[in-house]
């Protein structure tokens, strides 16, 4: 992981809810093939939009509480937060242009 931030129950408030920029939170797991397919795309987005959007990664196997709070039943699932609130949610390994459409009008 390069510019992406590992999100845990301990840092969720600081990294997501109080972030000055929108945060795309990716709920994933090591064993999830679609998650592995979208991971390099999220890395590219984190680099291309550095300082304008934050990419956060939540490992659902390690962060059961966060996964439960977000009612995660399928991964990858991504939530876009702006000003501490969920503004968009998608499930599945989407191509880069579709992921960018989630936040482009918010940055």
PDB file of N, CA and C in Angstrom:
ATOM      1  N   UNK A   1       0.833  -1.184   0.000  1.00  0.00           N
ATOM      2  CA  UNK A   1       0.000   0.000   0.000  1.00  0.00           C
ATOM      3  C   UNK A   1       0.874   1.243   0.000  1.00  0.00           C
ATOM      4  N   UNK A   2       0.599   2.136  -0.917  1.00  0.00           N
ATOM      5  CA  UNK A   2       1.390   3.344  -1.007  1.00  0.00           C
ATOM      6  C   UNK A   2       0.787   4.494  -0.230  1.00  0.00           C
ATOM      7  N   UNK A   3      -0.014   5.304  -0.890  1.00  0.00           N
ATOM      8  CA  UNK A   3      -0.611   6.481  -0.269  1.00  0.00           C
ATOM      9  C   UNK A   3      -1.916   6.165   0.461  1.00  0.00           C
ATOM     10  N   UNK A   4      -2.349   4.919   0.379  1.00  0.00           N
ATOM     11  CA  UNK A   4      -3.588   4.548   1.044  1.00  0.00           C
ATOM     12  C   UNK A   4      -3.380   4.466   2.550  1.00  0.00           C
ATOM     13  N   UNK A   5      -4.466   4.654   3.289  1.00  0.00           N
ATOM     14  CA  UNK A   5      -4.417   4.650   4.744  1.00  0.00           C
ATOM     15  C   UNK A   5      -5.163   3.420   5.249  1.00  0.00           C
ATOM     16  N   UNK A   6      -4.536   2.682   6.168  1.00  0.00           N
ATOM     17  CA  UNK A   6      -5.217   1.565   6.802  1.00  0.00           C
ATOM     18  C   UNK A   6      -6.169   2.133   7.844  1.00  0.00           C
ATOM     19  N   UNK A   7      -7.445   1.800   7.701  1.00  0.00           N
ATOM     20  CA  UNK A   7      -8.476   2.310   8.607  1.00  0.00           C
ATOM     21  C   UNK A   7      -8.819   1.220   9.623  1.00  0.00           C
ATOM     22  N   UNK A   8      -8.832   1.616  10.886  1.00  0.00           N
ATOM     23  CA  UNK A   8      -9.191   0.710  11.975  1.00  0.00           C
ATOM     24  C   UNK A   8     -10.262   1.388  12.840  1.00  0.00           C
ATOM     25  N   UNK A   9     -10.808   0.626  13.752  1.00  0.00           N
ATOM     26  CA  UNK A   9     -11.769   1.215  14.701  1.00  0.00           C
ATOM     27  C   UNK A   9     -11.115   2.351  15.480  1.00  0.00           C
ATOM     28  N   UNK A  10      -9.815   2.206  15.738  1.00  0.00           N
ATOM     29  CA  UNK A  10      -9.088   3.202  16.515  1.00  0.00           C
ATOM     30  C   UNK A  10      -8.834   4.515  15.806  1.00  0.00           C
ATOM     31  N   UNK A  11      -8.714   4.493  14.474  1.00  0.00           N
ATOM     32  CA  UNK A  11      -8.418   5.745  13.765  1.00  0.00           C
ATOM     33  C   UNK A  11      -9.539   6.200  12.834  1.00  0.00           C
ATOM     34  N   UNK A  12     -10.661   5.494  12.830  1.00  0.00           N
ATOM     35  CA  UNK A  12     -11.764   5.810  11.914  1.00  0.00           C
ATOM     36  C   UNK A  12     -12.238   7.258  12.068  1.00  0.00           C
ATOM     37  N   UNK A  13     -12.412   7.707  13.281  1.00  0.00           N
ATOM     38  CA  UNK A  13     -12.900   9.072  13.517  1.00  0.00           C
ATOM     39  C   UNK A  13     -11.934  10.100  12.936  1.00  0.00           C
ATOM     40  N   UNK A  14     -10.632   9.954  13.240  1.00  0.00           N
ATOM     41  CA  UNK A  14      -9.636  10.923  12.767  1.00  0.00           C
ATOM     42  C   UNK A  14      -9.433  10.853  11.260  1.00  0.00           C
ATOM     43  N   UNK A  15      -9.305   9.650  10.717  1.00  0.00           N
ATOM     44  CA  UNK A  15      -8.955   9.488   9.304  1.00  0.00           C
ATOM     45  C   UNK A  15     -10.135   9.650   8.350  1.00  0.00           C
ATOM     46  N   UNK A  16     -11.340   9.339   8.824  1.00  0.00           N
ATOM     47  CA  UNK A  16     -12.503   9.378   7.936  1.00  0.00           C
ATOM     48  C   UNK A  16     -13.471  10.496   8.323  1.00  0.00           C
ATOM     49  N   UNK A  17     -13.998  10.430   9.528  1.00  0.00           N
ATOM     50  CA  UNK A  17     -15.050  11.369   9.919  1.00  0.00           C
ATOM     51  C   UNK A  17     -14.564  12.811  10.014  1.00  0.00           C
ATOM     52  N   UNK A  18     -13.301  13.006  10.393  1.00  0.00           N
ATOM     53  CA  UNK A  18     -12.764  14.356  10.536  1.00  0.00           C
ATOM     54  C   UNK A  18     -11.799  14.744   9.412  1.00  0.00           C
ATOM     55  N   UNK A  19     -11.800  13.987   8.341  1.00  0.00           N
ATOM     56  CA  UNK A  19     -10.901  14.272   7.220  1.00  0.00           C
ATOM     57  C   UNK A  19     -11.305  15.560   6.504  1.00  0.00           C
ATOM     58  N   UNK A  20     -10.324  16.409   6.179  1.00  0.00           N
ATOM     59  CA  UNK A  20     -10.630  17.640   5.443  1.00  0.00           C
ATOM     60  C   UNK A  20     -10.935  17.391   3.960  1.00  0.00           C
ATOM     61  N   UNK A  21     -10.615  16.198   3.465  1.00  0.00           N
ATOM     62  CA  UNK A  21     -10.889  15.836   2.070  1.00  0.00           C
ATOM     63  C   UNK A  21     -11.819  14.622   2.053  1.00  0.00           C
ATOM     64  N   UNK A  22     -12.529  14.398   0.936  1.00  0.00           N
ATOM     65  CA  UNK A  22     -13.369  13.205   0.844  1.00  0.00           C
ATOM     66  C   UNK A  22     -12.518  11.936   1.033  1.00  0.00           C
ATOM     67  N   UNK A  23     -13.145  10.894   1.584  1.00  0.00           N
ATOM     68  CA  UNK A  23     -12.451   9.627   1.835  1.00  0.00           C
ATOM     69  C   UNK A  23     -13.235   8.503   1.176  1.00  0.00           C
ATOM     70  N   UNK A  24     -12.564   7.752   0.310  1.00  0.00           N
ATOM     71  CA  UNK A  24     -13.143   6.546  -0.279  1.00  0.00           C
ATOM     72  C   UNK A  24     -12.648   5.375   0.559  1.00  0.00           C
ATOM     73  N   UNK A  25     -13.557   4.757   1.308  1.00  0.00           N
ATOM     74  CA  UNK A  25     -13.205   3.671   2.215  1.00  0.00           C
ATOM     75  C   UNK A  25     -13.531   2.345   1.538  1.00  0.00           C
ATOM     76  N   UNK A  26     -12.501   1.533   1.341  1.00  0.00           N
ATOM     77  CA  UNK A  26     -12.625   0.242   0.681  1.00  0.00           C
ATOM     78  C   UNK A  26     -12.629  -0.866   1.729  1.00  0.00           C
ATOM     79  N   UNK A  27     -13.722  -1.609   1.807  1.00  0.00           N
ATOM     80  CA  UNK A  27     -13.812  -2.781   2.678  1.00  0.00           C
ATOM     81  C   UNK A  27     -13.397  -3.985   1.848  1.00  0.00           C
ATOM     82  N   UNK A  28     -12.359  -4.692   2.291  1.00  0.00           N
ATOM     83  CA  UNK A  28     -11.729  -5.746   1.503  1.00  0.00           C
ATOM     84  C   UNK A  28     -11.238  -6.868   2.410  1.00  0.00           C
ATOM     85  N   UNK A  29     -10.696  -7.931   1.780  1.00  0.00           N
ATOM     86  CA  UNK A  29     -10.057  -9.037   2.500  1.00  0.00           C
ATOM     87  C   UNK A  29      -9.000  -9.665   1.599  1.00  0.00           C
ATOM     88  N   UNK A  30      -7.988 -10.282   2.224  1.00  0.00           N
ATOM     89  CA  UNK A  30      -6.898 -10.920   1.474  1.00  0.00           C
ATOM     90  C   UNK A  30      -7.391 -12.007   0.530  1.00  0.00           C
ATOM     91  N   UNK A  31      -8.407 -12.735   0.923  1.00  0.00           N
ATOM     92  CA  UNK A  31      -8.893 -13.881   0.151  1.00  0.00           C
ATOM     93  C   UNK A  31      -9.845 -13.493  -0.982  1.00  0.00           C
ATOM     94  N   UNK A  32     -10.189 -12.234  -1.095  1.00  0.00           N
ATOM     95  CA  UNK A  32     -11.192 -11.747  -2.053  1.00  0.00           C
ATOM     96  C   UNK A  32     -10.529 -11.389  -3.389  1.00  0.00           C
ATOM     97  N   UNK A  33     -10.819 -12.167  -4.429  1.00  0.00           N
ATOM     98  CA  UNK A  33     -10.208 -11.901  -5.740  1.00  0.00           C
ATOM     99  C   UNK A  33     -10.649 -10.573  -6.355  1.00  0.00           C
ATOM    100  N   UNK A  34     -11.937 -10.231  -6.312  1.00  0.00           N
ATOM    101  CA  UNK A  34     -12.314  -8.911  -6.847  1.00  0.00           C
ATOM    102  C   UNK A  34     -11.631  -7.768  -6.087  1.00  0.00           C
ATOM    103  N   UNK A  35     -11.401  -7.958  -4.777  1.00  0.00           N
ATOM    104  CA  UNK A  35     -10.691  -6.933  -3.992  1.00  0.00           C
ATOM    105  C   UNK A  35      -9.274  -6.762  -4.509  1.00  0.00           C
ATOM    106  N   UNK A  36      -8.637  -7.877  -4.843  1.00  0.00           N
ATOM    107  CA  UNK A  36      -7.269  -7.818  -5.374  1.00  0.00           C
ATOM    108  C   UNK A  36      -7.243  -7.161  -6.750  1.00  0.00           C
ATOM    109  N   UNK A  37      -8.320  -7.330  -7.508  1.00  0.00           N
ATOM    110  CA  UNK A  37      -8.391  -6.714  -8.836  1.00  0.00           C
ATOM    111  C   UNK A  37      -8.523  -5.200  -8.741  1.00  0.00           C
ATOM    112  N   UNK A  38      -9.266  -4.711  -7.751  1.00  0.00           N
ATOM    113  CA  UNK A  38      -9.495  -3.271  -7.632  1.00  0.00           C
ATOM    114  C   UNK A  38      -8.356  -2.573  -6.871  1.00  0.00           C
ATOM    115  N   UNK A  39      -7.567  -3.308  -6.124  1.00  0.00           N
ATOM    116  CA  UNK A  39      -6.498  -2.707  -5.305  1.00  0.00           C
ATOM    117  C   UNK A  39      -5.539  -1.832  -6.112  1.00  0.00           C
ATOM    118  N   UNK A  40      -5.011  -2.296  -7.256  1.00  0.00           N
ATOM    119  CA  UNK A  40      -4.088  -1.422  -8.006  1.00  0.00           C
ATOM    120  C   UNK A  40      -4.771  -0.169  -8.544  1.00  0.00           C
ATOM    121  N   UNK A  41      -6.058  -0.257  -8.852  1.00  0.00           N
ATOM    122  CA  UNK A  41      -6.796   0.910  -9.330  1.00  0.00           C
ATOM    123  C   UNK A  41      -6.902   1.938  -8.211  1.00  0.00           C
ATOM    124  N   UNK A  42      -7.181   1.472  -7.000  1.00  0.00           N
ATOM    125  CA  UNK A  42      -7.267   2.388  -5.864  1.00  0.00           C
ATOM    126  C   UNK A  42      -5.913   3.018  -5.560  1.00  0.00           C
ATOM    127  N   UNK A  43      -4.842   2.267  -5.738  1.00  0.00           N
ATOM    128  CA  UNK A  43      -3.495   2.820  -5.553  1.00  0.00           C
ATOM    129  C   UNK A  43      -3.245   3.943  -6.566  1.00  0.00           C
ATOM    130  N   UNK A  44      -3.641   3.707  -7.821  1.00  0.00           N
ATOM    131  CA  UNK A  44      -3.470   4.726  -8.864  1.00  0.00           C
ATOM    132  C   UNK A  44      -4.274   5.986  -8.537  1.00  0.00           C
ATOM    133  N   UNK A  45      -5.504   5.784  -8.060  1.00  0.00           N
ATOM    134  CA  UNK A  45      -6.355   6.923  -7.701  1.00  0.00           C
ATOM    135  C   UNK A  45      -5.736   7.693  -6.531  1.00  0.00           C
ATOM    136  N   UNK A  46      -5.241   6.961  -5.536  1.00  0.00           N
ATOM    137  CA  UNK A  46      -4.615   7.615  -4.377  1.00  0.00           C
ATOM    138  C   UNK A  46      -3.451   8.492  -4.816  1.00  0.00           C
ATOM    139  N   UNK A  47      -2.672   8.007  -5.775  1.00  0.00           N
ATOM    140  CA  UNK A  47      -1.529   8.775  -6.260  1.00  0.00           C
ATOM    141  C   UNK A  47      -1.976   9.952  -7.125  1.00  0.00           C
ATOM    142  N   UNK A  48      -2.907   9.702  -8.038  1.00  0.00           N
ATOM    143  CA  UNK A  48      -3.344  10.744  -8.975  1.00  0.00           C
ATOM    144  C   UNK A  48      -4.077  11.888  -8.279  1.00  0.00           C
ATOM    145  N   UNK A  49      -4.781  11.586  -7.207  1.00  0.00           N
ATOM    146  CA  UNK A  49      -5.591  12.595  -6.521  1.00  0.00           C
ATOM    147  C   UNK A  49      -5.065  12.911  -5.122  1.00  0.00           C
ATOM    148  N   UNK A  50      -3.783  12.683  -4.912  1.00  0.00           N
ATOM    149  CA  UNK A  50      -3.161  12.937  -3.613  1.00  0.00           C
ATOM    150  C   UNK A  50      -3.445  14.356  -3.136  1.00  0.00           C
ATOM    151  N   UNK A  51      -3.911  14.474  -1.894  1.00  0.00           N
ATOM    152  CA  UNK A  51      -4.222  15.777  -1.332  1.00  0.00           C
ATOM    153  C   UNK A  51      -5.642  16.246  -1.602  1.00  0.00           C
ATOM    154  N   UNK A  52      -6.327  15.584  -2.556  1.00  0.00           N
ATOM    155  CA  UNK A  52      -7.698  15.966  -2.885  1.00  0.00           C
ATOM    156  C   UNK A  52      -8.716  14.918  -2.455  1.00  0.00           C
ATOM    157  N   UNK A  53      -8.260  13.662  -2.345  1.00  0.00           N
ATOM    158  CA  UNK A  53      -9.096  12.574  -1.855  1.00  0.00           C
ATOM    159  C   UNK A  53      -8.195  11.596  -1.117  1.00  0.00           C
ATOM    160  N   UNK A  54      -8.751  10.942  -0.131  1.00  0.00           N
ATOM    161  CA  UNK A  54      -8.006   9.947   0.640  1.00  0.00           C
ATOM    162  C   UNK A  54      -8.622   8.578   0.350  1.00  0.00           C
ATOM    163  N   UNK A  55      -7.768   7.585   0.168  1.00  0.00           N
ATOM    164  CA  UNK A  55      -8.223   6.214  -0.003  1.00  0.00           C
ATOM    165  C   UNK A  55      -7.917   5.475   1.302  1.00  0.00           C
ATOM    166  N   UNK A  56      -8.960   4.966   1.927  1.00  0.00           N
ATOM    167  CA  UNK A  56      -8.819   4.208   3.164  1.00  0.00           C
ATOM    168  C   UNK A  56      -9.157   2.755   2.931  1.00  0.00           C
ATOM    169  N   UNK A  57      -8.419   1.863   3.578  1.00  0.00           N
ATOM    170  CA  UNK A  57      -8.618   0.424   3.403  1.00  0.00           C
ATOM    171  C   UNK A  57      -8.992  -0.205   4.740  1.00  0.00           C
ATOM    172  N   UNK A  58     -10.117  -0.927   4.768  1.00  0.00           N
ATOM    173  CA  UNK A  58     -10.563  -1.637   5.960  1.00  0.00           C
ATOM    174  C   UNK A  58     -10.553  -3.128   5.658  1.00  0.00           C
ATOM    175  N   UNK A  59      -9.684  -3.863   6.338  1.00  0.00           N
ATOM    176  CA  UNK A  59      -9.646  -5.311   6.205  1.00  0.00           C
ATOM    177  C   UNK A  59     -10.783  -5.878   7.053  1.00  0.00           C
ATOM    178  N   UNK A  60     -11.790  -6.462   6.402  1.00  0.00           N
ATOM    179  CA  UNK A  60     -12.976  -6.919   7.130  1.00  0.00           C
ATOM    180  C   UNK A  60     -12.679  -8.061   8.091  1.00  0.00           C
ATOM    181  N   UNK A  61     -11.626  -8.836   7.823  1.00  0.00           N
ATOM    182  CA  UNK A  61     -11.258  -9.929   8.725  1.00  0.00           C
ATOM    183  C   UNK A  61     -10.647  -9.407  10.016  1.00  0.00           C
ATOM    184  N   UNK A  62      -9.999  -8.257   9.950  1.00  0.00           N
ATOM    185  CA  UNK A  62      -9.344  -7.680  11.126  1.00  0.00           C
ATOM    186  C   UNK A  62     -10.219  -6.640  11.826  1.00  0.00           C
ATOM    187  N   UNK A  63     -11.173  -6.082  11.119  1.00  0.00           N
ATOM    188  CA  UNK A  63     -12.015  -5.006  11.656  1.00  0.00           C
ATOM    189  C   UNK A  63     -13.495  -5.386  11.568  1.00  0.00           C
ATOM    190  N   UNK A  64     -13.857  -6.445  12.301  1.00  0.00           N
ATOM    191  CA  UNK A  64     -15.247  -6.924  12.292  1.00  0.00           C
ATOM    192  C   UNK A  64     -16.227  -5.853  12.736  1.00  0.00           C
ATOM    193  N   UNK A  65     -15.858  -5.048  13.732  1.00  0.00           N
ATOM    194  CA  UNK A  65     -16.761  -4.018  14.236  1.00  0.00           C
ATOM    195  C   UNK A  65     -17.102  -2.994  13.152  1.00  0.00           C
ATOM    196  N   UNK A  66     -16.078  -2.506  12.441  1.00  0.00           N
ATOM    197  CA  UNK A  66     -16.331  -1.530  11.375  1.00  0.00           C
ATOM    198  C   UNK A  66     -17.160  -2.149  10.251  1.00  0.00           C
ATOM    199  N   UNK A  67     -16.853  -3.382   9.899  1.00  0.00           N
ATOM    200  CA  UNK A  67     -17.618  -4.059   8.848  1.00  0.00           C
ATOM    201  C   UNK A  67     -19.078  -4.200   9.277  1.00  0.00           C
ATOM    202  N   UNK A  68     -19.310  -4.550  10.534  1.00  0.00           N
ATOM    203  CA  UNK A  68     -20.668  -4.682  11.045  1.00  0.00           C
ATOM    204  C   UNK A  68     -21.402  -3.353  11.081  1.00  0.00           C
ATOM    205  N   UNK A  69     -20.718  -2.302  11.498  1.00  0.00           N
ATOM    206  CA  UNK A  69     -21.334  -0.973  11.554  1.00  0.00           C
ATOM    207  C   UNK A  69     -21.763  -0.496  10.168  1.00  0.00           C
ATOM    208  N   UNK A  70     -21.062  -0.966   9.136  1.00  0.00           N
ATOM    209  CA  UNK A  70     -21.377  -0.571   7.765  1.00  0.00           C
ATOM    210  C   UNK A  70     -22.229  -1.617   7.042  1.00  0.00           C
ATOM    211  N   UNK A  71     -22.674  -2.651   7.780  1.00  0.00           N
ATOM    212  CA  UNK A  71     -23.524  -3.719   7.230  1.00  0.00           C
ATOM    213  C   UNK A  71     -22.920  -4.356   5.979  1.00  0.00           C
ATOM    214  N   UNK A  72     -21.626  -4.651   6.040  1.00  0.00           N
ATOM    215  CA  UNK A  72     -20.927  -5.238   4.905  1.00  0.00           C
ATOM    216  C   UNK A  72     -21.350  -6.705   4.757  1.00  0.00           C
ATOM    217  N   UNK A  73     -21.904  -7.051   3.611  1.00  0.00           N
ATOM    218  CA  UNK A  73     -22.277  -8.432   3.315  1.00  0.00           C
ATOM    219  C   UNK A  73     -21.563  -8.943   2.070  1.00  0.00           C
ATOM    220  N   UNK A  74     -20.988  -8.046   1.282  1.00  0.00           N
ATOM    221  CA  UNK A  74     -20.279  -8.407   0.068  1.00  0.00           C
ATOM    222  C   UNK A  74     -19.089  -7.465  -0.083  1.00  0.00           C
ATOM    223  N   UNK A  75     -17.971  -8.014  -0.550  1.00  0.00           N
ATOM    224  CA  UNK A  75     -16.790  -7.182  -0.754  1.00  0.00           C
ATOM    225  C   UNK A  75     -16.256  -7.403  -2.165  1.00  0.00           C
ATOM    226  N   UNK A  76     -15.585  -6.416  -2.724  1.00  0.00           N
ATOM    227  CA  UNK A  76     -15.320  -5.106  -2.149  1.00  0.00           C
ATOM    228  C   UNK A  76     -16.573  -4.228  -2.126  1.00  0.00           C
ATOM    229  N   UNK A  77     -16.723  -3.521  -1.034  1.00  0.00           N
ATOM    230  CA  UNK A  77     -17.738  -2.483  -0.903  1.00  0.00           C
ATOM    231  C   UNK A  77     -17.009  -1.208  -0.525  1.00  0.00           C
ATOM    232  N   UNK A  78     -17.368  -0.117  -1.196  1.00  0.00           N
ATOM    233  CA  UNK A  78     -16.716   1.160  -0.943  1.00  0.00           C
ATOM    234  C   UNK A  78     -17.731   2.211  -0.542  1.00  0.00           C
ATOM    235  N   UNK A  79     -17.374   2.973   0.479  1.00  0.00           N
ATOM    236  CA  UNK A  79     -18.184   4.090   0.943  1.00  0.00           C
ATOM    237  C   UNK A  79     -17.401   5.368   0.691  1.00  0.00           C
ATOM    238  N   UNK A  80     -18.064   6.363   0.156  1.00  0.00           N
ATOM    239  CA  UNK A  80     -17.436   7.667  -0.022  1.00  0.00           C
ATOM    240  C   UNK A  80     -17.976   8.589   1.059  1.00  0.00           C
ATOM    241  N   UNK A  81     -17.066   9.073   1.889  1.00  0.00           N
ATOM    242  CA  UNK A  81     -17.402  10.008   2.958  1.00  0.00           C
ATOM    243  C   UNK A  81     -16.977  11.408   2.559  1.00  0.00           C
ATOM    244  N   UNK A  82     -17.817  12.373   2.859  1.00  0.00           N
ATOM    245  CA  UNK A  82     -17.461  13.792   2.719  1.00  0.00           C
ATOM    246  C   UNK A  82     -18.035  14.503   3.937  1.00  0.00           C
ATOM    247  N   UNK A  83     -17.191  15.283   4.594  1.00  0.00           N
ATOM    248  CA  UNK A  83     -17.595  16.017   5.795  1.00  0.00           C
ATOM    249  C   UNK A  83     -18.198  15.090   6.851  1.00  0.00           C
ATOM    250  N   UNK A  84     -17.621  13.884   6.968  1.00  0.00           N
ATOM    251  CA  UNK A  84     -18.031  12.955   8.006  1.00  0.00           C
ATOM    252  C   UNK A  84     -19.294  12.170   7.727  1.00  0.00           C
ATOM    253  N   UNK A  85     -19.844  12.304   6.518  1.00  0.00           N
ATOM    254  CA  UNK A  85     -21.084  11.607   6.181  1.00  0.00           C
ATOM    255  C   UNK A  85     -20.900  10.772   4.910  1.00  0.00           C
ATOM    256  N   UNK A  86     -21.603   9.639   4.860  1.00  0.00           N
ATOM    257  CA  UNK A  86     -21.589   8.805   3.661  1.00  0.00           C
ATOM    258  C   UNK A  86     -22.398   9.518   2.578  1.00  0.00           C
ATOM    259  N   UNK A  87     -21.767   9.717   1.418  1.00  0.00           N
ATOM    260  CA  UNK A  87     -22.468  10.367   0.308  1.00  0.00           C
ATOM    261  C   UNK A  87     -22.708   9.413  -0.860  1.00  0.00           C
ATOM    262  N   UNK A  88     -21.940   8.341  -0.910  1.00  0.00           N
ATOM    263  CA  UNK A  88     -22.126   7.330  -1.955  1.00  0.00           C
ATOM    264  C   UNK A  88     -21.633   5.983  -1.447  1.00  0.00           C
ATOM    265  N   UNK A  89     -22.186   4.908  -2.039  1.00  0.00           N
ATOM    266  CA  UNK A  89     -21.767   3.552  -1.703  1.00  0.00           C
ATOM    267  C   UNK A  89     -21.866   2.694  -2.961  1.00  0.00           C
ATOM    268  N   UNK A  90     -20.842   1.862  -3.192  1.00  0.00           N
ATOM    269  CA  UNK A  90     -20.856   0.925  -4.320  1.00  0.00           C
ATOM    270  C   UNK A  90     -20.286  -0.416  -3.863  1.00  0.00           C
ATOM    271  N   UNK A  91     -20.714  -1.460  -4.547  1.00  0.00           N
ATOM    272  CA  UNK A  91     -20.199  -2.793  -4.272  1.00  0.00           C
ATOM    273  C   UNK A  91     -19.704  -3.385  -5.579  1.00  0.00           C
ATOM    274  N   UNK A  92     -18.559  -4.043  -5.505  1.00  0.00           N
ATOM    275  CA  UNK A  92     -17.989  -4.702  -6.676  1.00  0.00           C
ATOM    276  C   UNK A  92     -16.707  -4.047  -7.134  1.00  0.00           C
ATOM    277  N   UNK A  93     -15.990  -4.775  -7.979  1.00  0.00           N
ATOM    278  CA  UNK A  93     -14.727  -4.288  -8.528  1.00  0.00           C
ATOM    279  C   UNK A  93     -15.028  -3.472  -9.776  1.00  0.00           C
ATOM    280  N   UNK A  94     -15.106  -2.172  -9.604  1.00  0.00           N
ATOM    281  CA  UNK A  94     -15.436  -1.275 -10.708  1.00  0.00           C
ATOM    282  C   UNK A  94     -14.182  -0.785 -11.419  1.00  0.00           C
ATOM    283  N   UNK A  95     -14.303  -0.438 -12.701  1.00  0.00           N
ATOM    284  CA  UNK A  95     -13.156   0.148 -13.408  1.00  0.00           C
ATOM    285  C   UNK A  95     -12.854   1.550 -12.885  1.00  0.00           C
ATOM    286  N   UNK A  96     -11.654   2.006 -13.181  1.00  0.00           N
ATOM    287  CA  UNK A  96     -11.191   3.291 -12.658  1.00  0.00           C
ATOM    288  C   UNK A  96     -12.137   4.438 -12.980  1.00  0.00           C
ATOM    289  N   UNK A  97     -12.601   4.543 -14.216  1.00  0.00           N
ATOM    290  CA  UNK A  97     -13.445   5.686 -14.584  1.00  0.00           C
ATOM    291  C   UNK A  97     -14.748   5.710 -13.783  1.00  0.00           C
ATOM    292  N   UNK A  98     -15.286   4.548 -13.437  1.00  0.00           N
ATOM    293  CA  UNK A  98     -16.505   4.518 -12.624  1.00  0.00           C
ATOM    294  C   UNK A  98     -16.217   4.922 -11.180  1.00  0.00           C
ATOM    295  N   UNK A  99     -15.067   4.492 -10.661  1.00  0.00           N
ATOM    296  CA  UNK A  99     -14.690   4.900  -9.305  1.00  0.00           C
ATOM    297  C   UNK A  99     -14.447   6.405  -9.251  1.00  0.00           C
ATOM    298  N   UNK A 100     -13.812   6.952 -10.258  1.00  0.00           N
ATOM    299  CA  UNK A 100     -13.548   8.396 -10.296  1.00  0.00           C
ATOM    300  C   UNK A 100     -14.846   9.191 -10.342  1.00  0.00           C
ATOM    301  N   UNK A 101     -15.865   8.655 -11.001  1.00  0.00           N
ATOM    302  CA  UNK A 101     -17.144   9.362 -11.085  1.00  0.00           C
ATOM    303  C   UNK A 101     -17.815   9.493  -9.719  1.00  0.00           C
ATOM    304  N   UNK A 102     -17.444   8.635  -8.778  1.00  0.00           N
ATOM    305  CA  UNK A 102     -18.001   8.709  -7.431  1.00  0.00           C
ATOM    306  C   UNK A 102     -17.627  10.013  -6.733  1.00  0.00           C
ATOM    307  N   UNK A 103     -16.420  10.504  -7.004  1.00  0.00           N
ATOM    308  CA  UNK A 103     -15.923  11.642  -6.219  1.00  0.00           C
ATOM    309  C   UNK A 103     -15.520  12.874  -7.027  1.00  0.00           C
ATOM    310  N   UNK A 104     -15.428  12.770  -8.326  1.00  0.00           N
ATOM    311  CA  UNK A 104     -14.902  13.897  -9.108  1.00  0.00           C
ATOM    312  C   UNK A 104     -15.630  15.209  -8.865  1.00  0.00           C
ATOM    313  N   UNK A 105     -16.930  15.176  -8.678  1.00  0.00           N
ATOM    314  CA  UNK A 105     -17.663  16.429  -8.477  1.00  0.00           C
ATOM    315  C   UNK A 105     -17.579  16.902  -7.015  1.00  0.00           C
ATOM    316  N   UNK A 106     -16.883  16.159  -6.154  1.00  0.00           N
ATOM    317  CA  UNK A 106     -16.767  16.538  -4.745  1.00  0.00           C
ATOM    318  C   UNK A 106     -15.404  17.101  -4.372  1.00  0.00           C
ATOM    319  N   UNK A 107     -14.456  17.052  -5.318  1.00  0.00           N
ATOM    320  CA  UNK A 107     -13.106  17.533  -4.988  1.00  0.00           C
ATOM    321  C   UNK A 107     -12.807  18.840  -5.700  1.00  0.00           C
TER     322      UNK A 107
END
